[in-house]
Amino acid sequence: MSKQTRALKAAFPYTLPIFAGFWFLGLTYGVLMNVSGFSFIYPLLMSMLIYAGSMEFIAVDLLLSPFNPLQALLMTLMVNARHMFYGLSMLGPLKDIKQPKKTYLIFGMCDETFSINYSAEIPGDVDRGDFMFWVTLLNQLYWVSGATLGGIFGSFITFNTEGLDFAMTAMFIVIFLDNFLKEEDHTSSFTGLLLAVLALLIFGPDGFIIPAMLLILAALTLLRGRIESKEVAA
């Protein structure tokens, strides 16, 4: 078995939950583009080149509104600012990966891909860079294919797609529970939960994500020594 085949075989099972979520949301996005009057070429290219699910949904309204590049820039920064935190967390894992693979891993680091690449237990005979590459590529292929099919067949879909986005919420709950069960010490998990709830109560559901991440980053920085000492002792 080749090096890349081993990496693909190890990565594929981790991406199956993403496949279910991305296809539902991708199809929904493609249908939305279709009923908004856009050719399937739009969701195809946007899912390949933008590859930011939330922003792609928002882009539908931006494309239908009067041209306002400043509004588009600020909206994009606000919606995707959380990726800065992912990038900081991945400085270590990406450090020894060579170009051009490293560039693609940075481009394709969406929420779901980050969750897998940061926390997955990679087999010893599998190269970490190859594993992360296949996770990233498979996840993007799921999104691109779902969005494109939704754009092509959107006019034929008549069922109610309301609530399909909960598939992604459910997936993140499963990932969190899986990590929680593997932890020897739950300080970081409980800290994240409590601060996220606090930010939600203060800033509301539309504006709590960035404050929550800042609070969690500050708290875990302060608690880093204690958490690492407990991990060493364990």
C-alpha atoms as a PDB file:
ATOM      1  CA  MET A   1       0.000   0.000   0.000  1.00  0.00           C
ATOM      2  CA  SER A   2       1.432   3.383  -1.017  1.00  0.00           C
ATOM      3  CA  LYS A   3       2.025   6.273   1.359  1.00  0.00           C
ATOM      4  CA  GLN A   4      -0.866   8.307  -0.072  1.00  0.00           C
ATOM      5  CA  THR A   5      -3.242   5.341  -0.045  1.00  0.00           C
ATOM      6  CA  ARG A   6      -2.556   4.764   3.665  1.00  0.00           C
ATOM      7  CA  ALA A   7      -3.225   8.443   4.377  1.00  0.00           C
ATOM      8  CA  LEU A   8      -6.463   8.398   2.358  1.00  0.00           C
ATOM      9  CA  LYS A   9      -7.631   5.214   4.085  1.00  0.00           C
ATOM     10  CA  ALA A  10      -6.955   6.765   7.508  1.00  0.00           C
ATOM     11  CA  ALA A  11      -8.568  10.129   6.650  1.00  0.00           C
ATOM     12  CA  PHE A  12     -11.730   8.965   4.896  1.00  0.00           C
ATOM     13  CA  PRO A  13     -13.623   7.597   7.959  1.00  0.00           C
ATOM     14  CA  TYR A  14     -13.102  10.887   9.804  1.00  0.00           C
ATOM     15  CA  THR A  15     -14.741  12.791   6.946  1.00  0.00           C
ATOM     16  CA  LEU A  16     -17.916  10.699   6.673  1.00  0.00           C
ATOM     17  CA  PRO A  17     -19.896  12.838   9.174  1.00  0.00           C
ATOM     18  CA  ILE A  18     -18.726  15.906   7.237  1.00  0.00           C
ATOM     19  CA  PHE A  19     -19.959  14.327   4.019  1.00  0.00           C
ATOM     20  CA  ALA A  20     -23.497  14.050   5.419  1.00  0.00           C
ATOM     21  CA  GLY A  21     -23.530  17.624   6.711  1.00  0.00           C
ATOM     22  CA  PHE A  22     -21.801  19.202   3.717  1.00  0.00           C
ATOM     23  CA  TRP A  23     -24.035  17.485   1.186  1.00  0.00           C
ATOM     24  CA  PHE A  24     -27.204  18.623   2.936  1.00  0.00           C
ATOM     25  CA  LEU A  25     -25.959  22.195   3.306  1.00  0.00           C
ATOM     26  CA  GLY A  26     -24.281  22.225  -0.098  1.00  0.00           C
ATOM     27  CA  LEU A  27     -27.457  21.045  -1.805  1.00  0.00           C
ATOM     28  CA  THR A  28     -29.415  23.687   0.112  1.00  0.00           C
ATOM     29  CA  TYR A  29     -26.951  26.367  -0.976  1.00  0.00           C
ATOM     30  CA  GLY A  30     -27.093  25.226  -4.598  1.00  0.00           C
ATOM     31  CA  VAL A  31     -30.888  25.231  -4.527  1.00  0.00           C
ATOM     32  CA  LEU A  32     -30.870  28.748  -3.054  1.00  0.00           C
ATOM     33  CA  MET A  33     -28.597  29.959  -5.847  1.00  0.00           C
ATOM     34  CA  ASN A  34     -30.841  28.279  -8.410  1.00  0.00           C
ATOM     35  CA  VAL A  35     -34.089  29.804  -7.161  1.00  0.00           C
ATOM     36  CA  SER A  36     -32.314  33.189  -6.914  1.00  0.00           C
ATOM     37  CA  GLY A  37     -31.710  33.090 -10.645  1.00  0.00           C
ATOM     38  CA  PHE A  38     -28.070  31.982 -10.844  1.00  0.00           C
ATOM     39  CA  SER A  39     -26.617  29.286 -13.075  1.00  0.00           C
ATOM     40  CA  PHE A  40     -25.054  26.225 -11.421  1.00  0.00           C
ATOM     41  CA  ILE A  41     -21.684  27.666 -12.524  1.00  0.00           C
ATOM     42  CA  TYR A  42     -21.950  30.195  -9.673  1.00  0.00           C
ATOM     43  CA  PRO A  43     -22.226  27.709  -6.779  1.00  0.00           C
ATOM     44  CA  LEU A  44     -19.601  25.521  -8.494  1.00  0.00           C
ATOM     45  CA  LEU A  45     -16.997  28.295  -8.709  1.00  0.00           C
ATOM     46  CA  MET A  46     -17.915  29.939  -5.411  1.00  0.00           C
ATOM     47  CA  SER A  47     -17.653  26.657  -3.501  1.00  0.00           C
ATOM     48  CA  MET A  48     -14.260  26.008  -5.116  1.00  0.00           C
ATOM     49  CA  LEU A  49     -12.758  29.487  -4.727  1.00  0.00           C
ATOM     50  CA  ILE A  50     -14.495  31.059  -1.718  1.00  0.00           C
ATOM     51  CA  TYR A  51     -15.080  27.822   0.213  1.00  0.00           C
ATOM     52  CA  ALA A  52     -16.636  29.465   3.259  1.00  0.00           C
ATOM     53  CA  GLY A  53     -20.129  28.092   3.744  1.00  0.00           C
ATOM     54  CA  SER A  54     -21.642  30.866   5.840  1.00  0.00           C
ATOM     55  CA  MET A  55     -20.187  33.554   3.601  1.00  0.00           C
ATOM     56  CA  GLU A  56     -21.404  31.809   0.475  1.00  0.00           C
ATOM     57  CA  PHE A  57     -24.978  31.915   1.753  1.00  0.00           C
ATOM     58  CA  ILE A  58     -24.563  35.614   2.582  1.00  0.00           C
ATOM     59  CA  ALA A  59     -23.011  36.220  -0.843  1.00  0.00           C
ATOM     60  CA  VAL A  60     -26.350  35.360  -2.454  1.00  0.00           C
ATOM     61  CA  ASP A  61     -27.861  38.521  -0.937  1.00  0.00           C
ATOM     62  CA  LEU A  62     -24.726  40.524  -1.735  1.00  0.00           C
ATOM     63  CA  LEU A  63     -24.930  39.526  -5.397  1.00  0.00           C
ATOM     64  CA  LEU A  64     -28.582  40.549  -5.536  1.00  0.00           C
ATOM     65  CA  SER A  65     -27.961  43.897  -3.783  1.00  0.00           C
ATOM     66  CA  PRO A  66     -26.472  47.135  -5.176  1.00  0.00           C
ATOM     67  CA  PHE A  67     -22.680  46.911  -5.557  1.00  0.00           C
ATOM     68  CA  ASN A  68     -21.039  47.790  -2.233  1.00  0.00           C
ATOM     69  CA  PRO A  69     -17.481  46.380  -1.912  1.00  0.00           C
ATOM     70  CA  LEU A  70     -16.895  47.931   1.532  1.00  0.00           C
ATOM     71  CA  GLN A  71     -19.981  46.225   2.934  1.00  0.00           C
ATOM     72  CA  ALA A  72     -18.882  42.922   1.394  1.00  0.00           C
ATOM     73  CA  LEU A  73     -15.386  43.297   2.909  1.00  0.00           C
ATOM     74  CA  LEU A  74     -16.631  44.108   6.410  1.00  0.00           C
ATOM     75  CA  MET A  75     -19.243  41.359   6.302  1.00  0.00           C
ATOM     76  CA  THR A  76     -16.631  38.811   5.222  1.00  0.00           C
ATOM     77  CA  LEU A  77     -14.235  39.862   7.985  1.00  0.00           C
ATOM     78  CA  MET A  78     -16.964  39.662  10.612  1.00  0.00           C
ATOM     79  CA  VAL A  79     -18.277  36.262   9.511  1.00  0.00           C
ATOM     80  CA  ASN A  80     -14.882  34.603   9.021  1.00  0.00           C
ATOM     81  CA  ALA A  81     -12.800  36.260  11.748  1.00  0.00           C
ATOM     82  CA  ARG A  82     -12.936  33.009  13.729  1.00  0.00           C
ATOM     83  CA  HIS A  83     -10.496  31.514  11.208  1.00  0.00           C
ATOM     84  CA  MET A  84      -7.730  33.630  12.731  1.00  0.00           C
ATOM     85  CA  PHE A  85      -8.048  31.552  15.897  1.00  0.00           C
ATOM     86  CA  TYR A  86      -7.895  28.326  13.905  1.00  0.00           C
ATOM     87  CA  GLY A  87      -4.789  29.575  12.153  1.00  0.00           C
ATOM     88  CA  LEU A  88      -3.036  30.326  15.438  1.00  0.00           C
ATOM     89  CA  SER A  89      -3.894  26.867  16.750  1.00  0.00           C
ATOM     90  CA  MET A  90      -2.476  25.210  13.621  1.00  0.00           C
ATOM     91  CA  LEU A  91       0.894  27.004  13.587  1.00  0.00           C
ATOM     92  CA  GLY A  92       2.535  23.990  15.197  1.00  0.00           C
ATOM     93  CA  PRO A  93       0.933  21.189  13.154  1.00  0.00           C
ATOM     94  CA  LEU A  94       1.581  23.032   9.867  1.00  0.00           C
ATOM     95  CA  LYS A  95       5.141  24.107  10.667  1.00  0.00           C
ATOM     96  CA  ASP A  96       7.004  21.211   9.024  1.00  0.00           C
ATOM     97  CA  ILE A  97       4.686  20.725   6.028  1.00  0.00           C
ATOM     98  CA  LYS A  98       6.209  21.737   2.704  1.00  0.00           C
ATOM     99  CA  GLN A  99       4.740  23.835  -0.109  1.00  0.00           C
ATOM    100  CA  PRO A 100       2.485  23.710  -2.075  1.00  0.00           C
ATOM    101  CA  LYS A 101       0.618  21.344   0.251  1.00  0.00           C
ATOM    102  CA  LYS A 102       0.880  23.820   3.118  1.00  0.00           C
ATOM    103  CA  THR A 103      -0.760  26.599   1.080  1.00  0.00           C
ATOM    104  CA  TYR A 104      -3.720  24.391   0.220  1.00  0.00           C
ATOM    105  CA  LEU A 105      -4.128  23.276   3.856  1.00  0.00           C
ATOM    106  CA  ILE A 106      -4.307  26.926   4.906  1.00  0.00           C
ATOM    107  CA  PHE A 107      -6.823  27.761   2.166  1.00  0.00           C
ATOM    108  CA  GLY A 108      -9.028  24.749   2.925  1.00  0.00           C
ATOM    109  CA  MET A 109      -9.068  25.071   6.720  1.00  0.00           C
ATOM    110  CA  CYS A 110     -12.796  25.382   7.375  1.00  0.00           C
ATOM    111  CA  ASP A 111     -14.387  24.722  10.766  1.00  0.00           C
ATOM    112  CA  GLU A 112     -14.952  21.022  10.211  1.00  0.00           C
ATOM    113  CA  THR A 113     -11.542  20.350   8.668  1.00  0.00           C
ATOM    114  CA  PHE A 114      -9.819  22.162  11.522  1.00  0.00           C
ATOM    115  CA  SER A 115     -11.706  20.059  14.075  1.00  0.00           C
ATOM    116  CA  ILE A 116     -10.502  16.826  12.478  1.00  0.00           C
ATOM    117  CA  ASN A 117      -6.928  17.826  11.657  1.00  0.00           C
ATOM    118  CA  TYR A 118      -6.312  19.295  15.084  1.00  0.00           C
ATOM    119  CA  SER A 119      -7.756  16.482  17.195  1.00  0.00           C
ATOM    120  CA  ALA A 120      -7.574  13.264  15.146  1.00  0.00           C
ATOM    121  CA  GLU A 121      -5.405  10.383  16.321  1.00  0.00           C
ATOM    122  CA  ILE A 122      -3.287   9.711  13.226  1.00  0.00           C
ATOM    123  CA  PRO A 123      -1.817   6.183  12.861  1.00  0.00           C
ATOM    124  CA  GLY A 124       1.925   5.956  13.298  1.00  0.00           C
ATOM    125  CA  ASP A 125       2.552   4.745   9.756  1.00  0.00           C
ATOM    126  CA  VAL A 126       0.673   7.685   8.191  1.00  0.00           C
ATOM    127  CA  ASP A 127       2.320  11.014   7.399  1.00  0.00           C
ATOM    128  CA  ARG A 128       0.532  13.855   9.213  1.00  0.00           C
ATOM    129  CA  GLY A 129       0.750  16.220   6.253  1.00  0.00           C
ATOM    130  CA  ASP A 130      -0.739  13.636   3.883  1.00  0.00           C
ATOM    131  CA  PHE A 131      -3.524  12.861   6.365  1.00  0.00           C
ATOM    132  CA  MET A 132      -4.450  16.534   6.717  1.00  0.00           C
ATOM    133  CA  PHE A 133      -4.303  17.006   2.951  1.00  0.00           C
ATOM    134  CA  TRP A 134      -6.808  14.211   2.306  1.00  0.00           C
ATOM    135  CA  VAL A 135      -9.132  15.407   5.066  1.00  0.00           C
ATOM    136  CA  THR A 136      -9.065  18.906   3.571  1.00  0.00           C
ATOM    137  CA  LEU A 137      -9.511  17.762  -0.032  1.00  0.00           C
ATOM    138  CA  LEU A 138     -12.307  15.287   0.712  1.00  0.00           C
ATOM    139  CA  ASN A 139     -14.244  17.836   2.732  1.00  0.00           C
ATOM    140  CA  GLN A 140     -13.999  20.415  -0.041  1.00  0.00           C
ATOM    141  CA  LEU A 141     -15.045  17.860  -2.644  1.00  0.00           C
ATOM    142  CA  TYR A 142     -18.141  17.085  -0.563  1.00  0.00           C
ATOM    143  CA  TRP A 143     -19.052  20.761  -0.407  1.00  0.00           C
ATOM    144  CA  VAL A 144     -18.326  21.494  -4.086  1.00  0.00           C
ATOM    145  CA  SER A 145     -20.253  18.446  -5.327  1.00  0.00           C
ATOM    146  CA  GLY A 146     -23.240  19.156  -3.077  1.00  0.00           C
ATOM    147  CA  ALA A 147     -23.419  22.819  -4.071  1.00  0.00           C
ATOM    148  CA  THR A 148     -23.051  22.007  -7.757  1.00  0.00           C
ATOM    149  CA  LEU A 149     -25.733  19.296  -7.727  1.00  0.00           C
ATOM    150  CA  GLY A 150     -28.058  21.635  -5.828  1.00  0.00           C
ATOM    151  CA  GLY A 151     -27.481  24.273  -8.488  1.00  0.00           C
ATOM    152  CA  ILE A 152     -28.154  21.819 -11.322  1.00  0.00           C
ATOM    153  CA  PHE A 153     -31.208  20.063  -9.897  1.00  0.00           C
ATOM    154  CA  GLY A 154     -32.514  22.818  -7.636  1.00  0.00           C
ATOM    155  CA  SER A 155     -35.507  23.553  -9.802  1.00  0.00           C
ATOM    156  CA  PHE A 156     -36.677  19.940  -9.433  1.00  0.00           C
ATOM    157  CA  ILE A 157     -36.451  19.836  -5.615  1.00  0.00           C
ATOM    158  CA  THR A 158     -39.782  20.583  -4.007  1.00  0.00           C
ATOM    159  CA  PHE A 159     -39.401  19.292  -0.422  1.00  0.00           C
ATOM    160  CA  ASN A 160     -38.981  21.625   2.526  1.00  0.00           C
ATOM    161  CA  THR A 161     -35.266  21.984   3.368  1.00  0.00           C
ATOM    162  CA  GLU A 162     -35.826  23.963   6.567  1.00  0.00           C
ATOM    163  CA  GLY A 163     -33.780  22.641   9.462  1.00  0.00           C
ATOM    164  CA  LEU A 164     -31.145  20.813   7.398  1.00  0.00           C
ATOM    165  CA  ASP A 165     -28.435  23.107   8.775  1.00  0.00           C
ATOM    166  CA  PHE A 166     -28.851  21.427  12.178  1.00  0.00           C
ATOM    167  CA  ALA A 167     -26.826  18.541  10.764  1.00  0.00           C
ATOM    168  CA  MET A 168     -23.672  20.635  11.228  1.00  0.00           C
ATOM    169  CA  THR A 169     -24.600  21.543  14.811  1.00  0.00           C
ATOM    170  CA  ALA A 170     -25.140  17.879  15.605  1.00  0.00           C
ATOM    171  CA  MET A 171     -21.805  16.997  14.046  1.00  0.00           C
ATOM    172  CA  PHE A 172     -19.915  19.505  16.227  1.00  0.00           C
ATOM    173  CA  ILE A 173     -21.657  18.145  19.320  1.00  0.00           C
ATOM    174  CA  VAL A 174     -20.442  14.654  18.434  1.00  0.00           C
ATOM    175  CA  ILE A 175     -16.869  15.906  17.852  1.00  0.00           C
ATOM    176  CA  PHE A 176     -16.927  17.730  21.202  1.00  0.00           C
ATOM    177  CA  LEU A 177     -18.222  14.668  23.057  1.00  0.00           C
ATOM    178  CA  ASP A 178     -15.602  12.466  21.411  1.00  0.00           C
ATOM    179  CA  ASN A 179     -12.792  14.792  22.537  1.00  0.00           C
ATOM    180  CA  PHE A 180     -14.375  15.154  25.984  1.00  0.00           C
ATOM    181  CA  LEU A 181     -14.339  11.390  26.514  1.00  0.00           C
ATOM    182  CA  LYS A 182     -10.663  11.193  25.493  1.00  0.00           C
ATOM    183  CA  GLU A 183      -9.524  13.948  27.883  1.00  0.00           C
ATOM    184  CA  GLU A 184      -7.858  13.135  31.197  1.00  0.00           C
ATOM    185  CA  ASP A 185      -8.672  16.625  32.461  1.00  0.00           C
ATOM    186  CA  HIS A 186     -11.820  18.514  31.393  1.00  0.00           C
ATOM    187  CA  THR A 187     -10.723  22.007  32.429  1.00  0.00           C
ATOM    188  CA  SER A 188     -10.445  23.314  28.855  1.00  0.00           C
ATOM    189  CA  SER A 189     -13.795  21.816  27.810  1.00  0.00           C
ATOM    190  CA  PHE A 190     -15.704  23.217  30.766  1.00  0.00           C
ATOM    191  CA  THR A 191     -13.962  26.581  30.357  1.00  0.00           C
ATOM    192  CA  GLY A 192     -15.005  26.768  26.715  1.00  0.00           C
ATOM    193  CA  LEU A 193     -18.605  25.829  27.487  1.00  0.00           C
ATOM    194  CA  LEU A 194     -19.009  28.294  30.350  1.00  0.00           C
ATOM    195  CA  LEU A 195     -17.443  31.218  28.490  1.00  0.00           C
ATOM    196  CA  ALA A 196     -19.451  30.490  25.346  1.00  0.00           C
ATOM    197  CA  VAL A 197     -22.688  30.532  27.373  1.00  0.00           C
ATOM    198  CA  LEU A 198     -21.597  33.748  29.090  1.00  0.00           C
ATOM    199  CA  ALA A 199     -20.854  35.428  25.745  1.00  0.00           C
ATOM    200  CA  LEU A 200     -24.197  34.207  24.389  1.00  0.00           C
ATOM    201  CA  LEU A 201     -26.066  35.764  27.312  1.00  0.00           C
ATOM    202  CA  ILE A 202     -24.215  39.073  26.988  1.00  0.00           C
ATOM    203  CA  PHE A 203     -23.936  39.519  23.203  1.00  0.00           C
ATOM    204  CA  GLY A 204     -26.859  37.455  21.917  1.00  0.00           C
ATOM    205  CA  PRO A 205     -26.911  34.701  19.275  1.00  0.00           C
ATOM    206  CA  ASP A 206     -25.871  36.984  16.393  1.00  0.00           C
ATOM    207  CA  GLY A 207     -22.729  38.425  17.967  1.00  0.00           C
ATOM    208  CA  PHE A 208     -21.336  36.039  20.571  1.00  0.00           C
ATOM    209  CA  ILE A 209     -18.890  33.941  18.517  1.00  0.00           C
ATOM    210  CA  ILE A 210     -15.925  36.346  18.336  1.00  0.00           C
ATOM    211  CA  PRO A 211     -16.234  37.546  21.991  1.00  0.00           C
ATOM    212  CA  ALA A 212     -16.528  33.916  23.099  1.00  0.00           C
ATOM    213  CA  MET A 213     -13.358  32.986  21.211  1.00  0.00           C
ATOM    214  CA  LEU A 214     -11.462  35.928  22.682  1.00  0.00           C
ATOM    215  CA  LEU A 215     -12.576  34.991  26.195  1.00  0.00           C
ATOM    216  CA  ILE A 216     -11.668  31.342  25.662  1.00  0.00           C
ATOM    217  CA  LEU A 217      -8.261  32.260  24.212  1.00  0.00           C
ATOM    218  CA  ALA A 218      -7.495  34.532  27.192  1.00  0.00           C
ATOM    219  CA  ALA A 219      -8.707  31.992  29.756  1.00  0.00           C
ATOM    220  CA  LEU A 220      -6.815  29.055  28.268  1.00  0.00           C
ATOM    221  CA  THR A 221      -3.667  31.172  28.001  1.00  0.00           C
ATOM    222  CA  LEU A 222      -3.895  31.893  31.732  1.00  0.00           C
ATOM    223  CA  LEU A 223      -4.684  28.251  32.534  1.00  0.00           C
ATOM    224  CA  ARG A 224      -2.140  26.782  30.141  1.00  0.00           C
ATOM    225  CA  GLY A 225       0.481  25.975  32.784  1.00  0.00           C
ATOM    226  CA  ARG A 226      -2.043  24.227  35.020  1.00  0.00           C
ATOM    227  CA  ILE A 227      -3.560  22.203  32.170  1.00  0.00           C
ATOM    228  CA  GLU A 228      -0.168  21.117  30.812  1.00  0.00           C
ATOM    229  CA  SER A 229       1.070  20.119  34.272  1.00  0.00           C
ATOM    230  CA  LYS A 230      -1.999  17.924  34.738  1.00  0.00           C
ATOM    231  CA  GLU A 231      -1.446  16.311  31.335  1.00  0.00           C
ATOM    232  CA  VAL A 232       2.177  15.551  32.201  1.00  0.00           C
ATOM    233  CA  ALA A 233       1.149  14.080  35.539  1.00  0.00           C
ATOM    234  CA  ALA A 234      -1.510  11.945  33.852  1.00  0.00           C
END
